[in-house]
Amino acid sequence: FGSSHFGSRIQSRKFKPPSRLVAMGCGSSKPAAAALAARALAAQPAPAAQQDKNLLAEAKPEEAKPTTSLKIQIASAHGLRSADLIGNKSDVYVEVEIEGKSDSKVTTAVVTGTASKKEGAGENDKNSIDVDLQFVGELKGYVAGDKILFTVKDKDFLKSDDSLGKATVTEGGFGGKLVLEGAGEGFQAHLMVQLGDGTGMEEAKKAAVVAAASM
C-alpha cells in the first residue's frame, strides 16, 4: 500500500472524545441528573428572610395570663403567743403578698393585744392573744393560681420583728379560718380572712359564735 493511503486510514480511526454532557453523566441518564439537581437544591440553606421567620415562630413566647387586683379582708387574729416578755403582750400586724411579687405586699395596722386565758380553756392551755384587725385591701398583679403568703408579726422598735406564724393560700376565693404554722409550741393560732368576694369568712365567724355559745 502507498504511505499516503495508510496514513489516511489511521486518521479515520482516531478516538473521538465523548461529549461534555455524556462525560458528566447527563447525556446518558436525564432522570438521574434531575434527581441529583433536586437533592442539591433541597440541601441549599433557606433564604435569610425565611430563616428569620422560622426563628421568630420558634421563639414566640407564651401568651401572658391576665392579671387583676384581688380583694383581701383580714378580720382578726386568734391564739397568738406573747412575744414581749414585759407586759405579756404582742404588737400584732399582718403582711400579705403574692409569692415572687414583692410589689404586691400589703400590711395591716399594728394592734396591741395582751395574753389571757380563754373561756373554756383547759388547765394546760397557754394564755394567748386575740386581736381585731379589720383590714381591707387589694393584692395587685394577682394571677389565678398564685400563692398568697400571710405572715403575722410582733412589732419591735429595738430589734427585728418576731414572727408569730405563717400561712399560704393558693385559692383566690378562700374564706374562713386560716391556720398558722410556726405559732409556737402549744399555740394553735389562726386568722379569719376572706379573699375575693366570697362569704366563707362570715360563715366561719357565725359558726365560731355558735360553737362558743354551746360550750
C-alpha atoms as a PDB file:
ATOM      1  CA  PHE A   1       0.000   0.000   0.000  1.00  0.00           C
ATOM      2  CA  GLY A   2       1.101   3.546  -0.511  1.00  0.00           C
ATOM      3  CA  SER A   3       2.117   5.585   2.506  1.00  0.00           C
ATOM      4  CA  SER A   4      -0.492   8.194   1.820  1.00  0.00           C
ATOM      5  CA  HIS A   5      -3.255   5.585   1.825  1.00  0.00           C
ATOM      6  CA  PHE A   6      -2.034   4.058   5.088  1.00  0.00           C
ATOM      7  CA  GLY A   7      -1.934   7.457   6.781  1.00  0.00           C
ATOM      8  CA  SER A   8      -5.483   8.282   5.778  1.00  0.00           C
ATOM      9  CA  ARG A   9      -6.758   5.047   7.401  1.00  0.00           C
ATOM     10  CA  ILE A  10      -5.064   5.907  10.685  1.00  0.00           C
ATOM     11  CA  GLN A  11      -6.560   9.351  10.709  1.00  0.00           C
ATOM     12  CA  SER A  12     -10.033   7.998  10.070  1.00  0.00           C
ATOM     13  CA  ARG A  13      -9.745   5.730  13.107  1.00  0.00           C
ATOM     14  CA  LYS A  14      -8.625   8.404  15.605  1.00  0.00           C
ATOM     15  CA  PHE A  15     -10.503   8.324  19.001  1.00  0.00           C
ATOM     16  CA  LYS A  16     -13.293  10.803  19.315  1.00  0.00           C
ATOM     17  CA  PRO A  17     -13.796  12.098  22.920  1.00  0.00           C
ATOM     18  CA  PRO A  18     -17.337  11.862  24.313  1.00  0.00           C
ATOM     19  CA  SER A  19     -19.376  14.968  24.510  1.00  0.00           C
ATOM     20  CA  ARG A  20     -19.268  17.008  27.754  1.00  0.00           C
ATOM     21  CA  LEU A  21     -22.777  16.002  28.729  1.00  0.00           C
ATOM     22  CA  VAL A  22     -22.009  12.312  28.309  1.00  0.00           C
ATOM     23  CA  ALA A  23     -18.829  12.640  30.353  1.00  0.00           C
ATOM     24  CA  MET A  24     -20.839  14.210  33.215  1.00  0.00           C
ATOM     25  CA  GLY A  25     -23.466  11.522  33.069  1.00  0.00           C
ATOM     26  CA  CYS A  26     -26.136  13.961  31.915  1.00  0.00           C
ATOM     27  CA  GLY A  27     -26.463  12.729  28.397  1.00  0.00           C
ATOM     28  CA  SER A  28     -26.845   9.087  29.286  1.00  0.00           C
ATOM     29  CA  SER A  29     -29.488   9.428  32.075  1.00  0.00           C
ATOM     30  CA  LYS A  30     -31.641  12.574  32.236  1.00  0.00           C
ATOM     31  CA  PRO A  31     -33.909  11.335  35.127  1.00  0.00           C
ATOM     32  CA  ALA A  32     -30.860  10.616  37.274  1.00  0.00           C
ATOM     33  CA  ALA A  33     -29.445  14.054  36.577  1.00  0.00           C
ATOM     34  CA  ALA A  34     -32.739  15.684  37.503  1.00  0.00           C
ATOM     35  CA  ALA A  35     -32.829  13.792  40.817  1.00  0.00           C
ATOM     36  CA  LEU A  36     -29.281  14.922  41.627  1.00  0.00           C
ATOM     37  CA  ALA A  37     -30.217  18.537  40.877  1.00  0.00           C
ATOM     38  CA  ALA A  38     -33.304  18.321  43.103  1.00  0.00           C
ATOM     39  CA  ARG A  39     -31.284  16.959  46.007  1.00  0.00           C
ATOM     40  CA  ALA A  40     -28.697  19.693  45.588  1.00  0.00           C
ATOM     41  CA  LEU A  41     -31.441  22.330  45.607  1.00  0.00           C
ATOM     42  CA  ALA A  42     -33.018  20.882  48.763  1.00  0.00           C
ATOM     43  CA  ALA A  43     -29.657  20.930  50.532  1.00  0.00           C
ATOM     44  CA  GLN A  44     -29.209  24.638  49.953  1.00  0.00           C
ATOM     45  CA  PRO A  45     -29.957  26.848  53.018  1.00  0.00           C
ATOM     46  CA  ALA A  46     -33.262  28.684  53.149  1.00  0.00           C
ATOM     47  CA  PRO A  47     -33.222  32.369  52.272  1.00  0.00           C
ATOM     48  CA  ALA A  48     -32.380  34.687  55.155  1.00  0.00           C
ATOM     49  CA  ALA A  49     -35.932  36.054  55.310  1.00  0.00           C
ATOM     50  CA  GLN A  50     -37.366  32.554  55.659  1.00  0.00           C
ATOM     51  CA  GLN A  51     -34.796  31.659  58.340  1.00  0.00           C
ATOM     52  CA  ASP A  52     -35.747  34.752  60.359  1.00  0.00           C
ATOM     53  CA  LYS A  53     -39.420  33.819  60.047  1.00  0.00           C
ATOM     54  CA  ASN A  54     -38.721  30.303  61.324  1.00  0.00           C
ATOM     55  CA  LEU A  55     -36.708  31.626  64.285  1.00  0.00           C
ATOM     56  CA  LEU A  56     -39.486  34.027  65.232  1.00  0.00           C
ATOM     57  CA  ALA A  57     -42.034  31.201  65.126  1.00  0.00           C
ATOM     58  CA  GLU A  58     -39.871  29.022  67.390  1.00  0.00           C
ATOM     59  CA  ALA A  59     -39.128  31.841  69.846  1.00  0.00           C
ATOM     60  CA  LYS A  60     -42.716  33.082  70.138  1.00  0.00           C
ATOM     61  CA  PRO A  61     -43.406  33.413  73.901  1.00  0.00           C
ATOM     62  CA  GLU A  62     -46.481  32.031  75.600  1.00  0.00           C
ATOM     63  CA  GLU A  63     -49.321  34.444  75.992  1.00  0.00           C
ATOM     64  CA  ALA A  64     -49.231  36.104  79.418  1.00  0.00           C
ATOM     65  CA  LYS A  65     -52.051  35.284  81.792  1.00  0.00           C
ATOM     66  CA  PRO A  66     -54.287  38.237  82.623  1.00  0.00           C
ATOM     67  CA  THR A  67     -53.559  39.967  85.924  1.00  0.00           C
ATOM     68  CA  THR A  68     -56.039  41.580  88.266  1.00  0.00           C
ATOM     69  CA  SER A  69     -56.383  43.013  91.774  1.00  0.00           C
ATOM     70  CA  LEU A  70     -57.562  40.562  94.412  1.00  0.00           C
ATOM     71  CA  LYS A  71     -59.598  41.917  97.300  1.00  0.00           C
ATOM     72  CA  ILE A  72     -58.432  40.767 100.728  1.00  0.00           C
ATOM     73  CA  GLN A  73     -60.030  41.082 104.154  1.00  0.00           C
ATOM     74  CA  ILE A  74     -58.424  40.168 107.484  1.00  0.00           C
ATOM     75  CA  ALA A  75     -60.935  40.413 110.291  1.00  0.00           C
ATOM     76  CA  SER A  76     -58.927  39.142 113.259  1.00  0.00           C
ATOM     77  CA  ALA A  77     -56.107  37.012 114.647  1.00  0.00           C
ATOM     78  CA  HIS A  78     -56.547  34.419 117.394  1.00  0.00           C
ATOM     79  CA  GLY A  79     -54.451  32.228 119.681  1.00  0.00           C
ATOM     80  CA  LEU A  80     -51.212  34.184 119.263  1.00  0.00           C
ATOM     81  CA  ARG A  81     -48.340  33.935 121.719  1.00  0.00           C
ATOM     82  CA  SER A  82     -46.981  36.942 123.603  1.00  0.00           C
ATOM     83  CA  ALA A  83     -43.631  37.945 122.100  1.00  0.00           C
ATOM     84  CA  ASP A  84     -42.865  40.728 124.614  1.00  0.00           C
ATOM     85  CA  LEU A  85     -41.727  39.455 127.995  1.00  0.00           C
ATOM     86  CA  ILE A  86     -42.629  42.729 129.630  1.00  0.00           C
ATOM     87  CA  GLY A  87     -46.376  43.157 129.748  1.00  0.00           C
ATOM     88  CA  ASN A  88     -47.133  39.697 128.373  1.00  0.00           C
ATOM     89  CA  LYS A  89     -48.267  41.192 125.083  1.00  0.00           C
ATOM     90  CA  SER A  90     -47.621  41.423 121.320  1.00  0.00           C
ATOM     91  CA  ASP A  91     -47.925  44.346 118.930  1.00  0.00           C
ATOM     92  CA  VAL A  92     -49.601  42.412 116.131  1.00  0.00           C
ATOM     93  CA  TYR A  93     -49.664  43.145 112.416  1.00  0.00           C
ATOM     94  CA  VAL A  94     -50.001  41.016 109.262  1.00  0.00           C
ATOM     95  CA  GLU A  95     -48.065  41.164 105.994  1.00  0.00           C
ATOM     96  CA  VAL A  96     -49.664  39.693 102.870  1.00  0.00           C
ATOM     97  CA  GLU A  97     -48.038  39.332  99.471  1.00  0.00           C
ATOM     98  CA  ILE A  98     -48.058  37.249  96.306  1.00  0.00           C
ATOM     99  CA  GLU A  99     -45.096  34.886  96.198  1.00  0.00           C
ATOM    100  CA  GLY A 100     -42.401  36.266  93.910  1.00  0.00           C
ATOM    101  CA  LYS A 101     -44.109  39.663  93.589  1.00  0.00           C
ATOM    102  CA  SER A 102     -42.791  41.840  96.398  1.00  0.00           C
ATOM    103  CA  ASP A 103     -44.530  44.910  94.978  1.00  0.00           C
ATOM    104  CA  SER A 104     -47.874  43.322  95.849  1.00  0.00           C
ATOM    105  CA  LYS A 105     -47.240  43.440  99.624  1.00  0.00           C
ATOM    106  CA  VAL A 106     -49.880  44.985 101.865  1.00  0.00           C
ATOM    107  CA  THR A 107     -49.651  45.431 105.633  1.00  0.00           C
ATOM    108  CA  THR A 108     -52.273  45.848 108.316  1.00  0.00           C
ATOM    109  CA  ALA A 109     -52.089  48.406 111.101  1.00  0.00           C
ATOM    110  CA  VAL A 110     -50.405  47.372 114.354  1.00  0.00           C
ATOM    111  CA  VAL A 111     -52.819  46.285 117.099  1.00  0.00           C
ATOM    112  CA  THR A 112     -51.580  45.543 120.625  1.00  0.00           C
ATOM    113  CA  GLY A 113     -53.008  42.548 122.432  1.00  0.00           C
ATOM    114  CA  THR A 114     -52.406  41.086 125.880  1.00  0.00           C
ATOM    115  CA  ALA A 115     -52.308  37.354 126.533  1.00  0.00           C
ATOM    116  CA  SER A 116     -55.094  35.937 128.661  1.00  0.00           C
ATOM    117  CA  LYS A 117     -56.835  32.667 129.471  1.00  0.00           C
ATOM    118  CA  LYS A 118     -59.642  31.977 127.016  1.00  0.00           C
ATOM    119  CA  GLU A 119     -63.114  30.990 128.105  1.00  0.00           C
ATOM    120  CA  GLY A 120     -63.416  27.233 128.150  1.00  0.00           C
ATOM    121  CA  ALA A 121     -59.643  26.696 128.048  1.00  0.00           C
ATOM    122  CA  GLY A 122     -58.156  23.752 129.892  1.00  0.00           C
ATOM    123  CA  GLU A 123     -55.708  23.952 132.776  1.00  0.00           C
ATOM    124  CA  ASN A 124     -52.780  23.146 130.493  1.00  0.00           C
ATOM    125  CA  ASP A 125     -53.786  25.615 127.761  1.00  0.00           C
ATOM    126  CA  LYS A 126     -51.495  28.611 127.490  1.00  0.00           C
ATOM    127  CA  ASN A 127     -52.618  32.199 127.681  1.00  0.00           C
ATOM    128  CA  SER A 128     -52.946  33.619 124.187  1.00  0.00           C
ATOM    129  CA  ILE A 129     -53.772  36.821 122.326  1.00  0.00           C
ATOM    130  CA  ASP A 130     -56.778  37.691 120.163  1.00  0.00           C
ATOM    131  CA  VAL A 131     -56.857  40.981 118.221  1.00  0.00           C
ATOM    132  CA  ASP A 132     -59.337  42.610 115.843  1.00  0.00           C
ATOM    133  CA  LEU A 133     -57.579  43.844 112.718  1.00  0.00           C
ATOM    134  CA  GLN A 134     -60.488  44.838 110.444  1.00  0.00           C
ATOM    135  CA  PHE A 135     -58.252  45.221 107.411  1.00  0.00           C
ATOM    136  CA  VAL A 136     -59.463  45.573 103.813  1.00  0.00           C
ATOM    137  CA  GLY A 137     -57.065  45.921 100.891  1.00  0.00           C
ATOM    138  CA  GLU A 138     -56.066  44.681  97.438  1.00  0.00           C
ATOM    139  CA  LEU A 139     -53.282  42.496  96.112  1.00  0.00           C
ATOM    140  CA  LYS A 140     -52.203  43.960  92.755  1.00  0.00           C
ATOM    141  CA  GLY A 141     -50.826  41.815  89.941  1.00  0.00           C
ATOM    142  CA  TYR A 142     -52.697  38.680  91.016  1.00  0.00           C
ATOM    143  CA  VAL A 143     -52.919  35.800  88.534  1.00  0.00           C
ATOM    144  CA  ALA A 144     -55.105  32.754  89.120  1.00  0.00           C
ATOM    145  CA  GLY A 145     -53.004  30.075  90.808  1.00  0.00           C
ATOM    146  CA  ASP A 146     -50.610  32.479  92.531  1.00  0.00           C
ATOM    147  CA  LYS A 147     -49.507  31.610  96.069  1.00  0.00           C
ATOM    148  CA  ILE A 148     -50.553  34.197  98.643  1.00  0.00           C
ATOM    149  CA  LEU A 149     -48.305  34.423 101.701  1.00  0.00           C
ATOM    150  CA  PHE A 150     -49.538  35.548 105.130  1.00  0.00           C
ATOM    151  CA  THR A 151     -47.032  36.429 107.850  1.00  0.00           C
ATOM    152  CA  VAL A 152     -48.132  37.527 111.328  1.00  0.00           C
ATOM    153  CA  LYS A 153     -45.528  39.532 113.241  1.00  0.00           C
ATOM    154  CA  ASP A 154     -44.889  41.328 116.510  1.00  0.00           C
ATOM    155  CA  LYS A 155     -43.648  44.880 116.002  1.00  0.00           C
ATOM    156  CA  ASP A 156     -40.417  45.718 117.829  1.00  0.00           C
ATOM    157  CA  PHE A 157     -38.574  49.001 117.893  1.00  0.00           C
ATOM    158  CA  LEU A 158     -35.271  47.849 119.398  1.00  0.00           C
ATOM    159  CA  LYS A 159     -34.763  44.642 117.392  1.00  0.00           C
ATOM    160  CA  SER A 160     -36.077  42.789 114.367  1.00  0.00           C
ATOM    161  CA  ASP A 161     -39.780  41.919 114.392  1.00  0.00           C
ATOM    162  CA  ASP A 162     -40.766  38.479 115.707  1.00  0.00           C
ATOM    163  CA  SER A 163     -42.746  36.031 113.595  1.00  0.00           C
ATOM    164  CA  LEU A 164     -45.962  34.817 115.227  1.00  0.00           C
ATOM    165  CA  GLY A 165     -46.991  32.436 112.446  1.00  0.00           C
ATOM    166  CA  LYS A 166     -47.272  31.948 108.676  1.00  0.00           C
ATOM    167  CA  ALA A 167     -49.726  30.513 106.176  1.00  0.00           C
ATOM    168  CA  THR A 168     -50.035  30.069 102.399  1.00  0.00           C
ATOM    169  CA  VAL A 169     -53.196  30.155 100.283  1.00  0.00           C
ATOM    170  CA  THR A 170     -53.433  29.070  96.622  1.00  0.00           C
ATOM    171  CA  GLU A 171     -57.180  29.515  96.173  1.00  0.00           C
ATOM    172  CA  GLY A 172     -58.228  33.031  95.136  1.00  0.00           C
ATOM    173  CA  GLY A 173     -61.678  32.629  96.674  1.00  0.00           C
ATOM    174  CA  PHE A 174     -60.601  31.252 100.049  1.00  0.00           C
ATOM    175  CA  GLY A 175     -62.554  32.438 103.051  1.00  0.00           C
ATOM    176  CA  GLY A 176     -62.623  31.338 106.686  1.00  0.00           C
ATOM    177  CA  LYS A 177     -60.225  30.148 109.348  1.00  0.00           C
ATOM    178  CA  LEU A 178     -56.615  30.204 108.170  1.00  0.00           C
ATOM    179  CA  VAL A 179     -54.399  28.125 110.477  1.00  0.00           C
ATOM    180  CA  LEU A 180     -50.913  29.500 111.116  1.00  0.00           C
ATOM    181  CA  GLU A 181     -47.769  27.389 111.120  1.00  0.00           C
ATOM    182  CA  GLY A 182     -44.858  28.188 113.412  1.00  0.00           C
ATOM    183  CA  ALA A 183     -47.087  29.855 116.004  1.00  0.00           C
ATOM    184  CA  GLY A 184     -45.034  28.441 118.863  1.00  0.00           C
ATOM    185  CA  GLU A 185     -45.159  25.265 120.904  1.00  0.00           C
ATOM    186  CA  GLY A 186     -48.568  24.752 122.491  1.00  0.00           C
ATOM    187  CA  PHE A 187     -50.257  27.525 120.453  1.00  0.00           C
ATOM    188  CA  GLN A 188     -52.962  26.962 117.864  1.00  0.00           C
ATOM    189  CA  ALA A 189     -53.173  30.323 116.131  1.00  0.00           C
ATOM    190  CA  HIS A 190     -55.255  31.349 113.143  1.00  0.00           C
ATOM    191  CA  LEU A 191     -56.513  34.303 111.106  1.00  0.00           C
ATOM    192  CA  MET A 192     -60.025  34.998 109.898  1.00  0.00           C
ATOM    193  CA  VAL A 193     -59.625  36.026 106.263  1.00  0.00           C
ATOM    194  CA  GLN A 194     -61.526  36.404 103.029  1.00  0.00           C
ATOM    195  CA  LEU A 195     -60.062  36.552  99.526  1.00  0.00           C
ATOM    196  CA  GLY A 196     -62.246  37.850  96.726  1.00  0.00           C
ATOM    197  CA  ASP A 197     -65.958  38.464  97.180  1.00  0.00           C
ATOM    198  CA  GLY A 198     -66.862  35.163  98.835  1.00  0.00           C
ATOM    199  CA  THR A 199     -68.737  34.699 102.116  1.00  0.00           C
ATOM    200  CA  GLY A 200     -66.615  31.956 103.668  1.00  0.00           C
ATOM    201  CA  MET A 201     -65.200  34.192 106.382  1.00  0.00           C
ATOM    202  CA  GLU A 202     -68.610  35.425 107.540  1.00  0.00           C
ATOM    203  CA  GLU A 203     -69.929  31.881 107.653  1.00  0.00           C
ATOM    204  CA  ALA A 204     -66.899  30.745 109.669  1.00  0.00           C
ATOM    205  CA  LYS A 205     -67.369  33.621 112.130  1.00  0.00           C
ATOM    206  CA  LYS A 206     -71.015  32.693 112.663  1.00  0.00           C
ATOM    207  CA  ALA A 207     -70.038  29.068 113.202  1.00  0.00           C
ATOM    208  CA  ALA A 208     -67.465  30.126 115.797  1.00  0.00           C
ATOM    209  CA  VAL A 209     -70.051  32.180 117.673  1.00  0.00           C
ATOM    210  CA  VAL A 210     -72.459  29.247 117.740  1.00  0.00           C
ATOM    211  CA  ALA A 211     -69.699  26.909 118.932  1.00  0.00           C
ATOM    212  CA  ALA A 212     -68.718  29.314 121.732  1.00  0.00           C
ATOM    213  CA  ALA A 213     -72.337  29.696 122.864  1.00  0.00           C
ATOM    214  CA  SER A 214     -72.777  25.947 123.124  1.00  0.00           C
ATOM    215  CA  MET A 215     -69.788  25.473 125.433  1.00  0.00           C
END
